[in-house]
Structure formats: C-alpha cells, structure tokens
C-alpha atoms as a PDB file:
ATOM      1  CA  MET A   1      -4.143  34.646  31.092  1.00  0.00           C
ATOM      2  CA  GLU A   2      -4.362  38.289  29.991  1.00  0.00           C
ATOM      3  CA  GLN A   3      -4.748  39.544  33.559  1.00  0.00           C
ATOM      4  CA  THR A   4      -1.776  37.482  34.789  1.00  0.00           C
ATOM      5  CA  PHE A   5       0.290  38.762  31.864  1.00  0.00           C
ATOM      6  CA  LYS A   6      -0.558  42.388  32.661  1.00  0.00           C
ATOM      7  CA  GLU A   7       0.206  41.893  36.360  1.00  0.00           C
ATOM      8  CA  ILE A   8       3.650  40.555  35.442  1.00  0.00           C
ATOM      9  CA  VAL A   9       4.271  43.476  33.051  1.00  0.00           C
ATOM     10  CA  ALA A  10       3.236  45.915  35.800  1.00  0.00           C
ATOM     11  CA  ARG A  11       6.130  44.690  37.968  1.00  0.00           C
ATOM     12  CA  TYR A  12       8.533  46.189  35.432  1.00  0.00           C
ATOM     13  CA  CYS A  13       6.888  49.586  34.948  1.00  0.00           C
ATOM     14  CA  GLU A  14       4.727  52.153  36.678  1.00  0.00           C
ATOM     15  CA  THR A  15       1.599  51.439  34.618  1.00  0.00           C
ATOM     16  CA  LYS A  16      -1.288  49.650  36.315  1.00  0.00           C
ATOM     17  CA  PRO A  17      -2.622  46.490  34.616  1.00  0.00           C
ATOM     18  CA  GLU A  18      -6.017  48.113  34.018  1.00  0.00           C
ATOM     19  CA  ASP A  19      -4.305  50.973  32.126  1.00  0.00           C
ATOM     20  CA  MET A  20      -2.527  48.672  29.663  1.00  0.00           C
ATOM     21  CA  ASP A  21      -4.218  48.698  26.293  1.00  0.00           C
ATOM     22  CA  PRO A  22      -3.052  46.628  23.302  1.00  0.00           C
ATOM     23  CA  GLU A  23      -1.388  49.620  21.619  1.00  0.00           C
ATOM     24  CA  LYS A  24       0.946  50.404  24.548  1.00  0.00           C
ATOM     25  CA  ARG A  25       4.554  49.976  23.439  1.00  0.00           C
ATOM     26  CA  PHE A  26       7.009  48.412  25.863  1.00  0.00           C
ATOM     27  CA  ARG A  27       9.918  50.803  25.335  1.00  0.00           C
ATOM     28  CA  GLU A  28       8.260  54.059  24.342  1.00  0.00           C
ATOM     29  CA  ASP A  29       5.102  53.972  26.500  1.00  0.00           C
ATOM     30  CA  LEU A  30       6.051  51.717  29.421  1.00  0.00           C
ATOM     31  CA  GLY A  31       9.726  52.663  29.736  1.00  0.00           C
ATOM     32  CA  PHE A  32      11.160  49.156  29.369  1.00  0.00           C
ATOM     33  CA  SER A  33      14.897  48.734  28.892  1.00  0.00           C
ATOM     34  CA  SER A  34      16.299  45.792  26.935  1.00  0.00           C
ATOM     35  CA  LEU A  35      17.161  44.092  30.228  1.00  0.00           C
ATOM     36  CA  ASP A  36      13.622  44.629  31.561  1.00  0.00           C
ATOM     37  CA  PHE A  37      12.177  43.080  28.407  1.00  0.00           C
ATOM     38  CA  MET A  38      14.436  40.028  28.547  1.00  0.00           C
ATOM     39  CA  SER A  39      13.627  39.559  32.252  1.00  0.00           C
ATOM     40  CA  LEU A  40       9.924  39.819  31.421  1.00  0.00           C
ATOM     41  CA  LEU A  41      10.256  37.129  28.750  1.00  0.00           C
ATOM     42  CA  GLY A  42      11.952  34.786  31.217  1.00  0.00           C
ATOM     43  CA  GLU A  43       9.253  35.366  33.797  1.00  0.00           C
ATOM     44  CA  LEU A  44       6.516  34.720  31.215  1.00  0.00           C
ATOM     45  CA  GLU A  45       8.192  31.457  30.206  1.00  0.00           C
ATOM     46  CA  ASP A  46       8.340  30.330  33.830  1.00  0.00           C
ATOM     47  CA  THR A  47       4.804  31.434  34.694  1.00  0.00           C
ATOM     48  CA  PHE A  48       3.096  29.944  31.654  1.00  0.00           C
ATOM     49  CA  ASP A  49       5.470  26.966  31.260  1.00  0.00           C
ATOM     50  CA  ILE A  50       6.313  27.800  27.648  1.00  0.00           C
ATOM     51  CA  GLU A  51       9.454  28.385  25.624  1.00  0.00           C
ATOM     52  CA  LEU A  52       9.389  31.526  23.511  1.00  0.00           C
ATOM     53  CA  GLU A  53      11.398  31.638  20.314  1.00  0.00           C
ATOM     54  CA  GLU A  54      13.895  34.467  20.720  1.00  0.00           C
ATOM     55  CA  GLU A  55      13.424  35.623  17.130  1.00  0.00           C
ATOM     56  CA  ASP A  56       9.641  35.899  17.597  1.00  0.00           C
ATOM     57  CA  ALA A  57       9.928  37.536  21.014  1.00  0.00           C
ATOM     58  CA  LEU A  58      12.314  40.217  19.777  1.00  0.00           C
ATOM     59  CA  GLN A  59       9.729  41.292  17.167  1.00  0.00           C
ATOM     60  CA  VAL A  60       7.210  42.155  19.904  1.00  0.00           C
ATOM     61  CA  ARG A  61       6.695  45.889  20.369  1.00  0.00           C
ATOM     62  CA  THR A  62       3.265  46.255  22.018  1.00  0.00           C
ATOM     63  CA  ILE A  63       1.120  44.699  24.735  1.00  0.00           C
ATOM     64  CA  GLY A  64      -1.232  43.361  22.048  1.00  0.00           C
ATOM     65  CA  GLU A  65       1.592  41.709  20.093  1.00  0.00           C
ATOM     66  CA  ALA A  66       2.921  40.122  23.271  1.00  0.00           C
ATOM     67  CA  LEU A  67      -0.509  38.737  24.154  1.00  0.00           C
ATOM     68  CA  GLU A  68      -0.901  37.283  20.645  1.00  0.00           C
ATOM     69  CA  LEU A  69       2.486  35.553  20.904  1.00  0.00           C
ATOM     70  CA  LEU A  70       1.696  34.276  24.390  1.00  0.00           C
ATOM     71  CA  GLU A  71      -1.683  32.883  23.316  1.00  0.00           C
ATOM     72  CA  LYS A  72      -0.112  31.206  20.286  1.00  0.00           C
ATOM     73  CA  GLU A  73       2.625  29.610  22.414  1.00  0.00           C
ATOM     74  CA  CYS A  74       0.192  28.438  25.084  1.00  0.00           C
ATOM     75  CA  LEU A  75      -1.944  26.689  22.470  1.00  0.00           C
ATOM     76  CA  GLU A  76       0.959  24.708  21.023  1.00  0.00           C
END
C-alpha cells in the first residue's frame, strides 16, 4: 500500500517515490497546490476504494500523516 501511495503522490510532484520520507510536507517540500492535494485525495479514494473524511484529510500535512490516515481508513 505504501509503495502504491507514493507512486500516486509522485504523479503530482517531481519527487521520486523512493525519496519520499514520512517528514516530507506536501505543500512546502513537494510543491503541492490546494488543487493538487484535492485531486490526490480523490485518486486515493478511487485506488483504495475508501471514503476519506474531508475534515481528517485537510489536517494532513506530511507523507507520514497521509499514510497513517490511509492505513486507518483501509482497516475500517
């Protein structure tokens, strides 16, 4: 799941999946715009067949936080 997640994130930035550590921030380190982030969330929902709570998703700032949310949602 983590590798698929990073491959999807890599489509929206110029960072390779293998260079994404948990502390990388979407906006500051990866250059995401608000639109990029919302598009990413939609793609994650489709790929992993989950529905992310908007309030929870908007609190995500780093790769690690996003992975934690994704794992939590996939287990429910």
